[in-house]
Amino acid sequence: MAQRPPGAGGPLGRRRRAIRPPRLGGLTVNKLLPNMLTVLALSAGMTGIRFATEQRWEHAVIAIVVAAVLDALDGRIARLLNAQSKFGAELDSLSDVVSFGVAPAMILYMWGLNEARSFGWIACLLFGACAALRLARFNTALGSAAQKPVWAYNYFTGVPAPAGAGLALLPIVGSFEMGREVVGHPAFVVVWTVGMAALMISAIPTFSLKGLRIHPRYVVFVFLGLVLLAAGAVSAPWTTLLILGVGYLVTLPFSVRQYKRLRTQAENLVAAEPGSEEPGDASVTSNDGSPRP
């Protein structure tokens, strides 16, 4: 019978088996993945500018759409992998300013705003500045001590930067289907660009899908809608983008109405509580953390 080496079965042997090699230092891929997506989104936005300089307008629009998709993924993946960080938040904001502020403004300027001369350049500057202001307000709200009521988390304040970029590019998308002579008049493009810039920095409450809950009976219809959306994106991408953009604009009045209704209900509940002195002092705040009147 073979003899075991000394200490193989004793405490010393167990201690030896418990020793593990040291782990390599540095960040894991899981921690880096969200930031990788953010950098890819930034690259897509910059590439859109390059396509615009080459007058490849379809590719320029696609680049901004790709940036929006990547921007939607990076934050969700960061939360899923528990990889959120201050660095990632700052990088995301800087990427958004370029991809959804500077890039769309420059694409629009090279496509049609330049024909309006000084007015076109002013519209271009306004759009880029409003995108930066909108993102600065969003970051300030994240660090604010003011707490929003639960129902208010389903709303943004103003149009988000990715949506604003997509809406601003609708005249270019429309020209792919209807011709540039229909939607490419310089005066119209100037007014449209300024209007979309104003929506981004406005206090209009807009629907947020982050906290949206779907009743089980409607899940099938949601999946059917996604199938139709995918089919439309493949067979008629520009028409699909137009429908999505116009549909989003149509939802704005409904989001304002729904927000006001929920705010009124919350104020009535606070006023009905025993000991409440000032019904108007209910801690109802807007999406940027500032009190609503």
Protein backbone atom coordinates (compact mmCIF):
# COMPACT_ATOMS: atom_id res chain seq x y z
CA MET A 1 0.00 0.00 0.00
CA ALA A 2 1.49 3.34 -1.07
CA GLN A 3 2.26 5.78 1.70
CA ARG A 4 1.08 9.38 1.50
CA PRO A 5 3.74 12.04 1.75
CA PRO A 6 4.18 13.62 5.18
CA GLY A 7 1.58 16.27 5.95
CA ALA A 8 -0.59 15.42 2.94
CA GLY A 9 -3.62 14.64 5.04
CA GLY A 10 -2.94 16.89 7.98
CA PRO A 11 -3.56 20.60 8.59
CA LEU A 12 -0.43 21.53 6.65
CA GLY A 13 -1.70 19.72 3.55
CA ARG A 14 -5.09 21.35 3.78
CA ARG A 15 -3.42 24.73 4.18
CA ARG A 16 -1.35 24.13 1.07
CA ARG A 17 -4.38 23.16 -0.97
CA ALA A 18 -6.21 26.30 0.18
CA ILE A 19 -3.50 28.58 -1.18
CA ARG A 20 -4.63 30.14 -4.48
CA PRO A 21 -2.54 32.02 -6.99
CA PRO A 22 -2.92 35.80 -6.77
CA ARG A 23 -5.40 37.43 -9.15
CA LEU A 24 -4.20 39.81 -11.80
CA GLY A 25 -4.93 43.45 -11.09
CA GLY A 26 -7.04 45.73 -13.29
CA LEU A 27 -10.66 46.03 -14.39
CA THR A 28 -12.70 43.15 -15.71
CA VAL A 29 -14.34 43.19 -19.13
CA ASN A 30 -17.73 43.47 -17.41
CA LYS A 31 -16.65 46.77 -15.86
CA LEU A 32 -15.29 48.09 -19.15
CA LEU A 33 -18.09 46.95 -21.48
CA PRO A 34 -20.48 49.90 -20.84
CA ASN A 35 -17.67 52.40 -21.44
CA MET A 36 -16.70 50.54 -24.61
CA LEU A 37 -20.25 50.99 -25.91
CA THR A 38 -20.13 54.68 -25.00
CA VAL A 39 -16.90 55.15 -26.96
CA LEU A 40 -18.46 53.32 -29.90
CA ALA A 41 -21.46 55.68 -29.72
CA LEU A 42 -19.09 58.65 -29.75
CA SER A 43 -17.28 57.16 -32.73
CA ALA A 44 -20.56 56.66 -34.57
CA GLY A 45 -21.51 60.30 -34.04
CA MET A 46 -18.14 61.52 -35.31
CA THR A 47 -18.41 59.18 -38.29
CA GLY A 48 -21.76 60.78 -39.11
CA ILE A 49 -19.95 64.10 -39.54
CA ARG A 50 -17.46 62.46 -41.87
CA PHE A 51 -20.25 61.02 -44.01
CA ALA A 52 -21.84 64.48 -44.16
CA THR A 53 -18.61 66.00 -45.47
CA GLU A 54 -18.77 63.41 -48.25
CA GLN A 55 -22.50 64.16 -48.83
CA ARG A 56 -23.43 60.60 -47.99
CA TRP A 57 -26.57 61.68 -46.17
CA GLU A 58 -28.12 58.25 -45.69
CA HIS A 59 -24.96 56.95 -44.06
CA ALA A 60 -24.80 60.06 -41.86
CA VAL A 61 -28.32 59.47 -40.55
CA ILE A 62 -27.61 55.78 -39.98
CA ALA A 63 -24.51 56.71 -37.97
CA ILE A 64 -26.60 58.86 -35.61
CA VAL A 65 -29.19 56.08 -35.27
CA VAL A 66 -26.41 53.62 -34.39
CA ALA A 67 -25.11 56.09 -31.80
CA ALA A 68 -28.60 56.33 -30.28
CA VAL A 69 -28.92 52.54 -30.06
CA LEU A 70 -25.52 52.22 -28.40
CA ASP A 71 -26.38 55.05 -26.01
CA ALA A 72 -29.55 53.23 -25.00
CA LEU A 73 -27.59 50.04 -24.34
CA ASP A 74 -24.61 51.33 -22.36
CA GLY A 75 -26.54 52.55 -19.34
CA ARG A 76 -28.74 49.48 -19.14
CA ILE A 77 -25.78 47.13 -19.44
CA ALA A 78 -23.94 49.12 -16.76
CA ARG A 79 -26.85 48.63 -14.36
CA LEU A 80 -27.22 44.98 -15.32
CA LEU A 81 -23.53 44.23 -14.71
CA ASN A 82 -23.30 46.55 -11.69
CA ALA A 83 -20.62 48.47 -13.56
CA GLN A 84 -21.85 52.02 -12.95
CA SER A 85 -19.18 54.58 -12.18
CA LYS A 86 -18.63 58.33 -12.04
CA PHE A 87 -16.19 58.03 -14.92
CA GLY A 88 -18.80 56.23 -17.04
CA ALA A 89 -21.43 58.87 -16.30
CA GLU A 90 -19.13 61.72 -17.31
CA LEU A 91 -17.98 59.88 -20.44
CA ASP A 92 -21.59 59.21 -21.41
CA SER A 93 -22.51 62.89 -21.12
CA LEU A 94 -19.54 64.02 -23.21
CA SER A 95 -20.36 61.38 -25.82
CA ASP A 96 -23.98 62.54 -25.94
CA VAL A 97 -22.96 66.17 -26.50
CA VAL A 98 -20.94 65.14 -29.54
CA SER A 99 -23.21 62.42 -30.95
CA PHE A 100 -26.57 64.14 -30.36
CA GLY A 101 -25.60 67.80 -30.26
CA VAL A 102 -22.57 68.63 -32.39
CA ALA A 103 -22.90 65.85 -34.98
CA PRO A 104 -26.59 66.39 -35.92
CA ALA A 105 -26.07 70.16 -36.01
CA MET A 106 -23.11 69.84 -38.38
CA ILE A 107 -24.93 67.30 -40.56
CA LEU A 108 -27.91 69.64 -40.85
CA TYR A 109 -25.65 72.60 -41.59
CA MET A 110 -23.87 70.82 -44.42
CA TRP A 111 -27.17 69.44 -45.75
CA GLY A 112 -29.25 72.62 -45.86
CA LEU A 113 -28.66 75.13 -43.07
CA ASN A 114 -25.64 76.55 -44.90
CA GLU A 115 -28.00 77.85 -47.59
CA ALA A 116 -29.56 80.13 -44.96
CA ARG A 117 -26.12 81.66 -44.33
CA SER A 118 -25.88 83.38 -40.92
CA PHE A 119 -29.34 82.23 -39.80
CA GLY A 120 -28.41 78.66 -40.60
CA TRP A 121 -25.21 78.85 -38.57
CA ILE A 122 -27.07 80.43 -35.65
CA ALA A 123 -29.56 77.53 -35.73
CA CYS A 124 -26.64 75.11 -35.81
CA LEU A 125 -25.02 76.76 -32.78
CA LEU A 126 -28.31 76.86 -30.89
CA PHE A 127 -28.93 73.17 -31.38
CA GLY A 128 -25.47 72.16 -30.17
CA ALA A 129 -25.66 74.52 -27.19
CA CYS A 130 -29.16 73.35 -26.21
CA ALA A 131 -28.04 69.73 -26.31
CA ALA A 132 -25.16 70.57 -23.95
CA LEU A 133 -27.47 72.55 -21.64
CA ARG A 134 -30.00 69.73 -21.59
CA LEU A 135 -27.35 67.19 -20.59
CA ALA A 136 -25.88 69.54 -17.96
CA ARG A 137 -29.35 69.95 -16.44
CA PHE A 138 -29.82 66.18 -16.42
CA ASN A 139 -26.49 65.62 -14.64
CA THR A 140 -27.32 68.33 -12.11
CA ALA A 141 -30.66 66.66 -11.39
CA LEU A 142 -28.91 63.33 -10.76
CA GLY A 143 -26.76 64.93 -8.08
CA SER A 144 -29.57 66.97 -6.56
CA ALA A 145 -30.77 66.16 -3.07
CA ALA A 146 -34.38 66.84 -4.04
CA GLN A 147 -36.38 63.65 -4.40
CA LYS A 148 -39.08 63.15 -6.98
CA PRO A 149 -42.32 61.33 -6.23
CA VAL A 150 -42.50 57.79 -7.52
CA TRP A 151 -44.86 58.59 -10.38
CA ALA A 152 -42.57 61.35 -11.72
CA TYR A 153 -39.80 58.86 -12.52
CA ASN A 154 -41.79 57.87 -15.60
CA TYR A 155 -41.12 61.28 -17.16
CA PHE A 156 -38.19 63.25 -18.51
CA THR A 157 -38.02 67.03 -18.40
CA GLY A 158 -37.81 68.08 -22.02
CA VAL A 159 -37.01 65.88 -24.98
CA PRO A 160 -33.96 63.63 -24.35
CA ALA A 161 -30.88 64.39 -26.44
CA PRO A 162 -31.01 61.21 -28.59
CA ALA A 163 -34.67 61.83 -29.40
CA GLY A 164 -33.93 65.50 -30.11
CA ALA A 165 -31.19 64.51 -32.53
CA GLY A 166 -33.50 62.11 -34.32
CA LEU A 167 -36.26 64.70 -34.57
CA ALA A 168 -33.85 67.33 -35.89
CA LEU A 169 -32.78 64.98 -38.69
CA LEU A 170 -36.36 64.28 -39.83
CA PRO A 171 -36.15 66.78 -42.74
CA ILE A 172 -33.19 64.82 -44.12
CA VAL A 173 -35.05 61.54 -43.61
CA GLY A 174 -38.12 63.02 -45.28
CA SER A 175 -36.06 64.07 -48.28
CA PHE A 176 -35.15 60.42 -48.90
CA GLU A 177 -38.84 59.64 -49.46
CA MET A 178 -40.43 62.89 -50.64
CA GLY A 179 -37.56 64.73 -52.28
CA ARG A 180 -35.50 67.60 -50.98
CA GLU A 181 -37.68 70.24 -52.62
CA VAL A 182 -40.55 69.32 -50.26
CA VAL A 183 -38.78 69.50 -46.89
CA GLY A 184 -35.42 71.08 -47.71
CA HIS A 185 -36.28 74.78 -47.88
CA PRO A 186 -33.62 76.63 -45.85
CA ALA A 187 -36.15 78.69 -43.88
CA PHE A 188 -38.08 75.57 -42.90
CA VAL A 189 -34.92 73.75 -41.83
CA VAL A 190 -33.85 76.74 -39.70
CA VAL A 191 -37.22 76.94 -37.93
CA TRP A 192 -37.35 73.17 -37.48
CA THR A 193 -33.84 73.01 -36.00
CA VAL A 194 -34.52 75.85 -33.56
CA GLY A 195 -37.82 74.22 -32.56
CA MET A 196 -36.17 70.89 -31.79
CA ALA A 197 -33.45 72.67 -29.83
CA ALA A 198 -36.12 74.42 -27.76
CA LEU A 199 -37.85 71.11 -27.01
CA MET A 200 -34.64 69.70 -25.52
CA ILE A 201 -34.26 72.51 -22.96
CA SER A 202 -37.98 72.95 -22.33
CA ALA A 203 -39.74 71.94 -19.10
CA ILE A 204 -42.25 69.80 -20.99
CA PRO A 205 -42.69 66.42 -19.26
CA THR A 206 -42.10 63.63 -21.78
CA PHE A 207 -42.71 59.92 -21.38
CA SER A 208 -39.83 57.76 -20.19
CA LEU A 209 -39.82 54.04 -20.94
CA LYS A 210 -37.43 53.19 -18.09
CA GLY A 211 -40.14 52.58 -15.50
CA LEU A 212 -42.84 51.46 -17.91
CA ARG A 213 -44.73 48.37 -16.76
CA ILE A 214 -46.71 46.31 -19.24
CA HIS A 215 -49.79 44.38 -18.18
CA PRO A 216 -49.49 40.67 -19.02
CA ARG A 217 -52.50 40.83 -21.31
CA TYR A 218 -50.72 43.39 -23.53
CA VAL A 219 -47.36 41.62 -23.78
CA VAL A 220 -48.39 39.79 -26.96
CA PHE A 221 -49.33 43.08 -28.63
CA VAL A 222 -45.98 44.59 -27.63
CA PHE A 223 -44.14 41.71 -29.28
CA LEU A 224 -46.28 42.05 -32.39
CA GLY A 225 -45.45 45.75 -32.50
CA LEU A 226 -41.75 44.97 -32.27
CA VAL A 227 -42.08 42.49 -35.14
CA LEU A 228 -43.82 45.13 -37.27
CA LEU A 229 -41.16 47.66 -36.33
CA ALA A 230 -38.37 45.29 -37.33
CA ALA A 231 -40.12 44.47 -40.61
CA GLY A 232 -40.58 48.17 -41.36
CA ALA A 233 -36.96 48.94 -40.50
CA VAL A 234 -35.82 46.33 -43.02
CA SER A 235 -38.29 46.94 -45.84
CA ALA A 236 -38.89 50.71 -45.54
CA PRO A 237 -36.37 52.17 -43.07
CA TRP A 238 -36.88 55.86 -43.88
CA THR A 239 -40.66 55.66 -43.78
CA THR A 240 -40.39 53.81 -40.47
CA LEU A 241 -38.13 56.51 -39.03
CA LEU A 242 -40.55 59.20 -40.19
CA ILE A 243 -43.48 57.43 -38.55
CA LEU A 244 -41.54 56.99 -35.31
CA GLY A 245 -40.49 60.65 -35.27
CA VAL A 246 -43.95 62.02 -36.00
CA GLY A 247 -45.48 59.55 -33.56
CA TYR A 248 -43.15 60.75 -30.82
CA LEU A 249 -44.15 64.37 -31.44
CA VAL A 250 -47.81 63.35 -31.24
CA THR A 251 -47.26 61.83 -27.78
CA LEU A 252 -45.98 65.11 -26.30
CA PRO A 253 -49.41 66.66 -25.58
CA PHE A 254 -50.56 63.39 -24.02
CA SER A 255 -47.49 63.22 -21.78
CA VAL A 256 -48.14 66.77 -20.55
CA ARG A 257 -51.78 65.97 -19.85
CA GLN A 258 -50.95 62.73 -18.03
CA TYR A 259 -48.26 64.42 -15.95
CA LYS A 260 -50.62 67.18 -14.85
CA ARG A 261 -53.30 64.64 -13.96
CA LEU A 262 -50.90 62.62 -11.80
CA ARG A 263 -49.56 65.76 -10.14
CA THR A 264 -53.09 66.89 -9.29
CA GLN A 265 -53.91 63.48 -7.83
CA ALA A 266 -50.74 63.57 -5.70
CA GLU A 267 -51.53 67.07 -4.42
CA ASN A 268 -55.09 66.03 -3.56
CA LEU A 269 -53.81 63.03 -1.61
CA VAL A 270 -51.41 65.23 0.36
CA ALA A 271 -54.16 67.75 1.05
CA ALA A 272 -56.44 64.98 2.32
CA GLU A 273 -53.88 63.73 4.86
CA PRO A 274 -54.56 64.77 8.48
CA GLY A 275 -52.40 67.63 9.66
CA SER A 276 -51.53 68.94 6.21
CA GLU A 277 -51.58 72.75 6.38
CA GLU A 278 -50.67 73.79 2.86
CA PRO A 279 -51.90 71.50 0.05
CA GLY A 280 -49.67 73.38 -2.34
CA ASP A 281 -46.58 72.47 -0.33
CA ALA A 282 -46.64 68.86 -1.50
CA SER A 283 -43.16 67.71 -2.39
CA VAL A 284 -43.88 67.33 -6.06
CA THR A 285 -40.86 68.00 -8.18
CA SER A 286 -40.13 68.00 -11.83
CA ASN A 287 -37.81 65.59 -13.58
CA ASP A 288 -34.88 67.98 -13.16
CA GLY A 289 -35.39 68.18 -9.40
CA SER A 290 -36.94 71.68 -9.29
CA PRO A 291 -40.30 72.26 -7.57
CA ARG A 292 -43.32 72.41 -9.77
CA PRO A 293 -45.74 75.30 -9.12
